[in-house]
C-alpha cells in the first residue's frame, strides 16, 4: 500500500511512500513539513529568540 506525505503547514504533497505492512485505509496520509515551510518556521523562531534577548 502507498500513502501520501503531505506538508502539515501548506498541505503540499511532498512524496508517496510504500508501506507493505499498512492496514487499508480510505485516504492513507502522513504529515511532515516541507523544506520551504521549515525554513520559514526556523526564521520565525530565530527572530523571536533575537527579539527576546533585547527585551531585558
PDB file of N, CA and C in Angstrom:
ATOM      1  N   UNK A   1       0.844  -1.176   0.000  1.00  0.00           N
ATOM      2  CA  UNK A   1       0.000   0.000   0.000  1.00  0.00           C
ATOM      3  C   UNK A   1       0.886   1.234   0.000  1.00  0.00           C
ATOM      4  N   UNK A   2       0.503   2.234  -0.750  1.00  0.00           N
ATOM      5  CA  UNK A   2       1.226   3.502  -0.756  1.00  0.00           C
ATOM      6  C   UNK A   2       0.419   4.541   0.011  1.00  0.00           C
ATOM      7  N   UNK A   3       1.132   5.535   0.546  1.00  0.00           N
ATOM      8  CA  UNK A   3       0.462   6.641   1.215  1.00  0.00           C
ATOM      9  C   UNK A   3       1.169   7.935   0.852  1.00  0.00           C
ATOM     10  N   UNK A   4       0.447   9.040   0.947  1.00  0.00           N
ATOM     11  CA  UNK A   4       0.997  10.341   0.612  1.00  0.00           C
ATOM     12  C   UNK A   4       1.614  10.990   1.844  1.00  0.00           C
ATOM     13  N   UNK A   5       2.710  11.701   1.621  1.00  0.00           N
ATOM     14  CA  UNK A   5       3.312  12.514   2.671  1.00  0.00           C
ATOM     15  C   UNK A   5       2.985  13.965   2.308  1.00  0.00           C
ATOM     16  N   UNK A   6       2.275  14.638   3.217  1.00  0.00           N
ATOM     17  CA  UNK A   6       1.770  15.985   2.971  1.00  0.00           C
ATOM     18  C   UNK A   6       2.361  16.944   3.999  1.00  0.00           C
ATOM     19  N   UNK A   7       2.707  18.156   3.561  1.00  0.00           N
ATOM     20  CA  UNK A   7       3.188  19.174   4.497  1.00  0.00           C
ATOM     21  C   UNK A   7       2.019  19.607   5.379  1.00  0.00           C
ATOM     22  N   UNK A   8       2.212  19.541   6.691  1.00  0.00           N
ATOM     23  CA  UNK A   8       1.148  19.900   7.630  1.00  0.00           C
ATOM     24  C   UNK A   8       0.925  21.409   7.671  1.00  0.00           C
ATOM     25  N   UNK A   9       1.844  22.207   7.148  1.00  0.00           N
ATOM     26  CA  UNK A   9       1.702  23.666   7.162  1.00  0.00           C
ATOM     27  C   UNK A   9       0.999  24.159   5.910  1.00  0.00           C
ATOM     28  N   UNK A  10       1.495  23.788   4.721  1.00  0.00           N
ATOM     29  CA  UNK A  10       0.936  24.330   3.471  1.00  0.00           C
ATOM     30  C   UNK A  10       0.108  23.307   2.681  1.00  0.00           C
ATOM     31  N   UNK A  11       0.097  22.064   3.123  1.00  0.00           N
ATOM     32  CA  UNK A  11      -0.663  20.957   2.517  1.00  0.00           C
ATOM     33  C   UNK A  11      -0.143  20.509   1.152  1.00  0.00           C
ATOM     34  N   UNK A  12       1.086  20.910   0.810  1.00  0.00           N
ATOM     35  CA  UNK A  12       1.691  20.462  -0.437  1.00  0.00           C
ATOM     36  C   UNK A  12       2.009  18.968  -0.330  1.00  0.00           C
ATOM     37  N   UNK A  13       1.710  18.228  -1.383  1.00  0.00           N
ATOM     38  CA  UNK A  13       2.067  16.810  -1.425  1.00  0.00           C
ATOM     39  C   UNK A  13       3.557  16.722  -1.688  1.00  0.00           C
ATOM     40  N   UNK A  14       4.271  16.089  -0.765  1.00  0.00           N
ATOM     41  CA  UNK A  14       5.728  16.046  -0.837  1.00  0.00           C
ATOM     42  C   UNK A  14       6.256  14.741  -1.424  1.00  0.00           C
ATOM     43  N   UNK A  15       5.584  13.637  -1.164  1.00  0.00           N
ATOM     44  CA  UNK A  15       6.143  12.344  -1.557  1.00  0.00           C
ATOM     45  C   UNK A  15       5.048  11.290  -1.505  1.00  0.00           C
ATOM     46  N   UNK A  16       5.356  10.150  -2.062  1.00  0.00           N
ATOM     47  CA  UNK A  16       4.499   8.973  -1.952  1.00  0.00           C
ATOM     48  C   UNK A  16       5.391   7.836  -1.472  1.00  0.00           C
ATOM     49  N   UNK A  17       4.998   7.202  -0.394  1.00  0.00           N
ATOM     50  CA  UNK A  17       5.821   6.156   0.227  1.00  0.00           C
ATOM     51  C   UNK A  17       5.105   4.808   0.149  1.00  0.00           C
ATOM     52  N   UNK A  18       5.904   3.769   0.157  1.00  0.00           N
ATOM     53  CA  UNK A  18       5.383   2.403   0.173  1.00  0.00           C
ATOM     54  C   UNK A  18       5.480   1.862   1.595  1.00  0.00           C
ATOM     55  N   UNK A  19       4.413   1.278   2.071  1.00  0.00           N
ATOM     56  CA  UNK A  19       4.394   0.679   3.404  1.00  0.00           C
ATOM     57  C   UNK A  19       3.676  -0.668   3.304  1.00  0.00           C
ATOM     58  N   UNK A  20       4.415  -1.750   3.123  1.00  0.00           N
ATOM     59  CA  UNK A  20       3.794  -3.055   2.878  1.00  0.00           C
ATOM     60  C   UNK A  20       2.987  -3.583   4.059  1.00  0.00           C
ATOM     61  N   UNK A  21       3.281  -3.141   5.281  1.00  0.00           N
ATOM     62  CA  UNK A  21       2.569  -3.649   6.457  1.00  0.00           C
ATOM     63  C   UNK A  21       1.364  -2.800   6.857  1.00  0.00           C
ATOM     64  N   UNK A  22       1.076  -1.751   6.111  1.00  0.00           N
ATOM     65  CA  UNK A  22      -0.008  -0.832   6.488  1.00  0.00           C
ATOM     66  C   UNK A  22      -1.373  -1.482   6.305  1.00  0.00           C
ATOM     67  N   UNK A  23      -2.293  -1.078   7.147  1.00  0.00           N
ATOM     68  CA  UNK A  23      -3.680  -1.523   7.033  1.00  0.00           C
ATOM     69  C   UNK A  23      -4.390  -0.679   5.979  1.00  0.00           C
ATOM     70  N   UNK A  24      -5.293  -1.267   5.209  1.00  0.00           N
ATOM     71  CA  UNK A  24      -6.020  -0.499   4.189  1.00  0.00           C
ATOM     72  C   UNK A  24      -6.809   0.652   4.830  1.00  0.00           C
ATOM     73  N   UNK A  25      -6.737   1.814   4.203  1.00  0.00           N
ATOM     74  CA  UNK A  25      -7.461   2.996   4.665  1.00  0.00           C
ATOM     75  C   UNK A  25      -8.076   3.680   3.454  1.00  0.00           C
ATOM     76  N   UNK A  26      -9.072   4.545   3.713  1.00  0.00           N
ATOM     77  CA  UNK A  26      -9.688   5.279   2.606  1.00  0.00           C
ATOM     78  C   UNK A  26      -8.693   6.220   1.939  1.00  0.00           C
ATOM     79  N   UNK A  27      -8.023   7.056   2.745  1.00  0.00           N
ATOM     80  CA  UNK A  27      -7.068   8.023   2.225  1.00  0.00           C
ATOM     81  C   UNK A  27      -5.817   7.988   3.096  1.00  0.00           C
ATOM     82  N   UNK A  28      -4.892   7.081   2.818  1.00  0.00           N
ATOM     83  CA  UNK A  28      -3.688   6.978   3.654  1.00  0.00           C
ATOM     84  C   UNK A  28      -2.775   8.189   3.461  1.00  0.00           C
ATOM     85  N   UNK A  29      -2.616   8.980   4.541  1.00  0.00           N
ATOM     86  CA  UNK A  29      -1.811  10.194   4.512  1.00  0.00           C
ATOM     87  C   UNK A  29      -0.952  10.252   5.764  1.00  0.00           C
ATOM     88  N   UNK A  30       0.258  10.739   5.601  1.00  0.00           N
ATOM     89  CA  UNK A  30       1.134  11.040   6.721  1.00  0.00           C
ATOM     90  C   UNK A  30       1.563  12.496   6.570  1.00  0.00           C
ATOM     91  N   UNK A  31       1.848  13.163   7.676  1.00  0.00           N
ATOM     92  CA  UNK A  31       2.207  14.573   7.626  1.00  0.00           C
ATOM     93  C   UNK A  31       3.656  14.789   8.022  1.00  0.00           C
ATOM     94  N   UNK A  32       4.236  15.811   7.417  1.00  0.00           N
ATOM     95  CA  UNK A  32       5.604  16.222   7.697  1.00  0.00           C
ATOM     96  C   UNK A  32       5.651  17.728   7.483  1.00  0.00           C
ATOM     97  N   UNK A  33       6.844  18.286   7.248  1.00  0.00           N
ATOM     98  CA  UNK A  33       6.986  19.700   6.912  1.00  0.00           C
ATOM     99  C   UNK A  33       7.907  19.807   5.709  1.00  0.00           C
ATOM    100  N   UNK A  34       7.497  20.589   4.708  1.00  0.00           N
ATOM    101  CA  UNK A  34       8.305  20.737   3.501  1.00  0.00           C
ATOM    102  C   UNK A  34       9.482  21.671   3.777  1.00  0.00           C
ATOM    103  N   UNK A  35      10.517  21.616   2.948  1.00  0.00           N
ATOM    104  CA  UNK A  35      11.703  22.454   3.173  1.00  0.00           C
ATOM    105  C   UNK A  35      11.390  23.950   3.225  1.00  0.00           C
ATOM    106  N   UNK A  36      10.462  24.411   2.394  1.00  0.00           N
ATOM    107  CA  UNK A  36      10.129  25.836   2.382  1.00  0.00           C
ATOM    108  C   UNK A  36       9.475  26.264   3.692  1.00  0.00           C
ATOM    109  N   UNK A  37       8.531  25.487   4.176  1.00  0.00           N
ATOM    110  CA  UNK A  37       7.861  25.812   5.445  1.00  0.00           C
ATOM    111  C   UNK A  37       8.828  25.686   6.614  1.00  0.00           C
ATOM    112  N   UNK A  38       9.704  24.693   6.568  1.00  0.00           N
ATOM    113  CA  UNK A  38      10.705  24.527   7.625  1.00  0.00           C
ATOM    114  C   UNK A  38      11.608  25.753   7.700  1.00  0.00           C
ATOM    115  N   UNK A  39      12.069  26.219   6.547  1.00  0.00           N
ATOM    116  CA  UNK A  39      12.929  27.400   6.513  1.00  0.00           C
ATOM    117  C   UNK A  39      12.202  28.621   7.082  1.00  0.00           C
ATOM    118  N   UNK A  40      10.947  28.806   6.697  1.00  0.00           N
ATOM    119  CA  UNK A  40      10.154  29.930   7.187  1.00  0.00           C
ATOM    120  C   UNK A  40       9.955  29.845   8.701  1.00  0.00           C
ATOM    121  N   UNK A  41       9.647  28.659   9.205  1.00  0.00           N
ATOM    122  CA  UNK A  41       9.423  28.488  10.642  1.00  0.00           C
ATOM    123  C   UNK A  41      10.705  28.697  11.444  1.00  0.00           C
ATOM    124  N   UNK A  42      11.832  28.220  10.941  1.00  0.00           N
ATOM    125  CA  UNK A  42      13.106  28.431  11.625  1.00  0.00           C
ATOM    126  C   UNK A  42      13.442  29.921  11.669  1.00  0.00           C
ATOM    127  N   UNK A  43      13.211  30.633  10.568  1.00  0.00           N
ATOM    128  CA  UNK A  43      13.464  32.078  10.544  1.00  0.00           C
ATOM    129  C   UNK A  43      12.586  32.793  11.560  1.00  0.00           C
ATOM    130  N   UNK A  44      11.337  32.374  11.673  1.00  0.00           N
ATOM    131  CA  UNK A  44      10.433  32.989  12.643  1.00  0.00           C
ATOM    132  C   UNK A  44      10.896  32.704  14.066  1.00  0.00           C
ATOM    133  N   UNK A  45      11.301  31.491  14.348  1.00  0.00           N
ATOM    134  CA  UNK A  45      11.796  31.134  15.683  1.00  0.00           C
ATOM    135  C   UNK A  45      13.057  31.939  16.003  1.00  0.00           C
ATOM    136  N   UNK A  46      13.961  32.057  15.032  1.00  0.00           N
ATOM    137  CA  UNK A  46      15.184  32.820  15.246  1.00  0.00           C
ATOM    138  C   UNK A  46      14.885  34.294  15.506  1.00  0.00           C
ATOM    139  N   UNK A  47      13.914  34.857  14.815  1.00  0.00           N
ATOM    140  CA  UNK A  47      13.581  36.271  15.031  1.00  0.00           C
ATOM    141  C   UNK A  47      12.963  36.474  16.408  1.00  0.00           C
ATOM    142  N   UNK A  48      12.185  35.533  16.889  1.00  0.00           N
ATOM    143  CA  UNK A  48      11.611  35.622  18.234  1.00  0.00           C
ATOM    144  C   UNK A  48      12.725  35.534  19.265  1.00  0.00           C
ATOM    145  N   UNK A  49      13.653  34.625  19.077  1.00  0.00           N
ATOM    146  CA  UNK A  49      14.770  34.461  20.013  1.00  0.00           C
ATOM    147  C   UNK A  49      15.623  35.726  20.064  1.00  0.00           C
ATOM    148  N   UNK A  50      15.874  36.344  18.922  1.00  0.00           N
ATOM    149  CA  UNK A  50      16.670  37.574  18.869  1.00  0.00           C
ATOM    150  C   UNK A  50      15.923  38.699  19.579  1.00  0.00           C
ATOM    151  N   UNK A  51      14.620  38.829  19.343  1.00  0.00           N
ATOM    152  CA  UNK A  51      13.824  39.881  19.976  1.00  0.00           C
ATOM    153  C   UNK A  51      13.774  39.698  21.493  1.00  0.00           C
ATOM    154  N   UNK A  52      13.695  38.493  21.981  1.00  0.00           N
ATOM    155  CA  UNK A  52      13.620  38.245  23.417  1.00  0.00           C
ATOM    156  C   UNK A  52      14.935  38.610  24.109  1.00  0.00           C
ATOM    157  N   UNK A  53      16.055  38.475  23.429  1.00  0.00           N
ATOM    158  CA  UNK A  53      17.335  38.800  24.067  1.00  0.00           C
ATOM    159  C   UNK A  53      17.513  40.307  24.212  1.00  0.00           C
ATOM    160  N   UNK A  54      16.769  41.112  23.441  1.00  0.00           N
ATOM    161  CA  UNK A  54      16.880  42.566  23.520  1.00  0.00           C
ATOM    162  C   UNK A  54      15.850  43.195  24.459  1.00  0.00           C
ATOM    163  N   UNK A  55      14.938  42.418  25.008  1.00  0.00           N
ATOM    164  CA  UNK A  55      13.892  42.943  25.886  1.00  0.00           C
ATOM    165  C   UNK A  55      14.456  43.319  27.249  1.00  0.00           C
ATOM    166  N   UNK A  56      15.273  42.462  27.852  1.00  0.00           N
ATOM    167  CA  UNK A  56      15.762  42.627  29.217  1.00  0.00           C
ATOM    168  C   UNK A  56      16.708  43.741  29.376  1.00  0.00           C
TER     169      UNK A  56
END
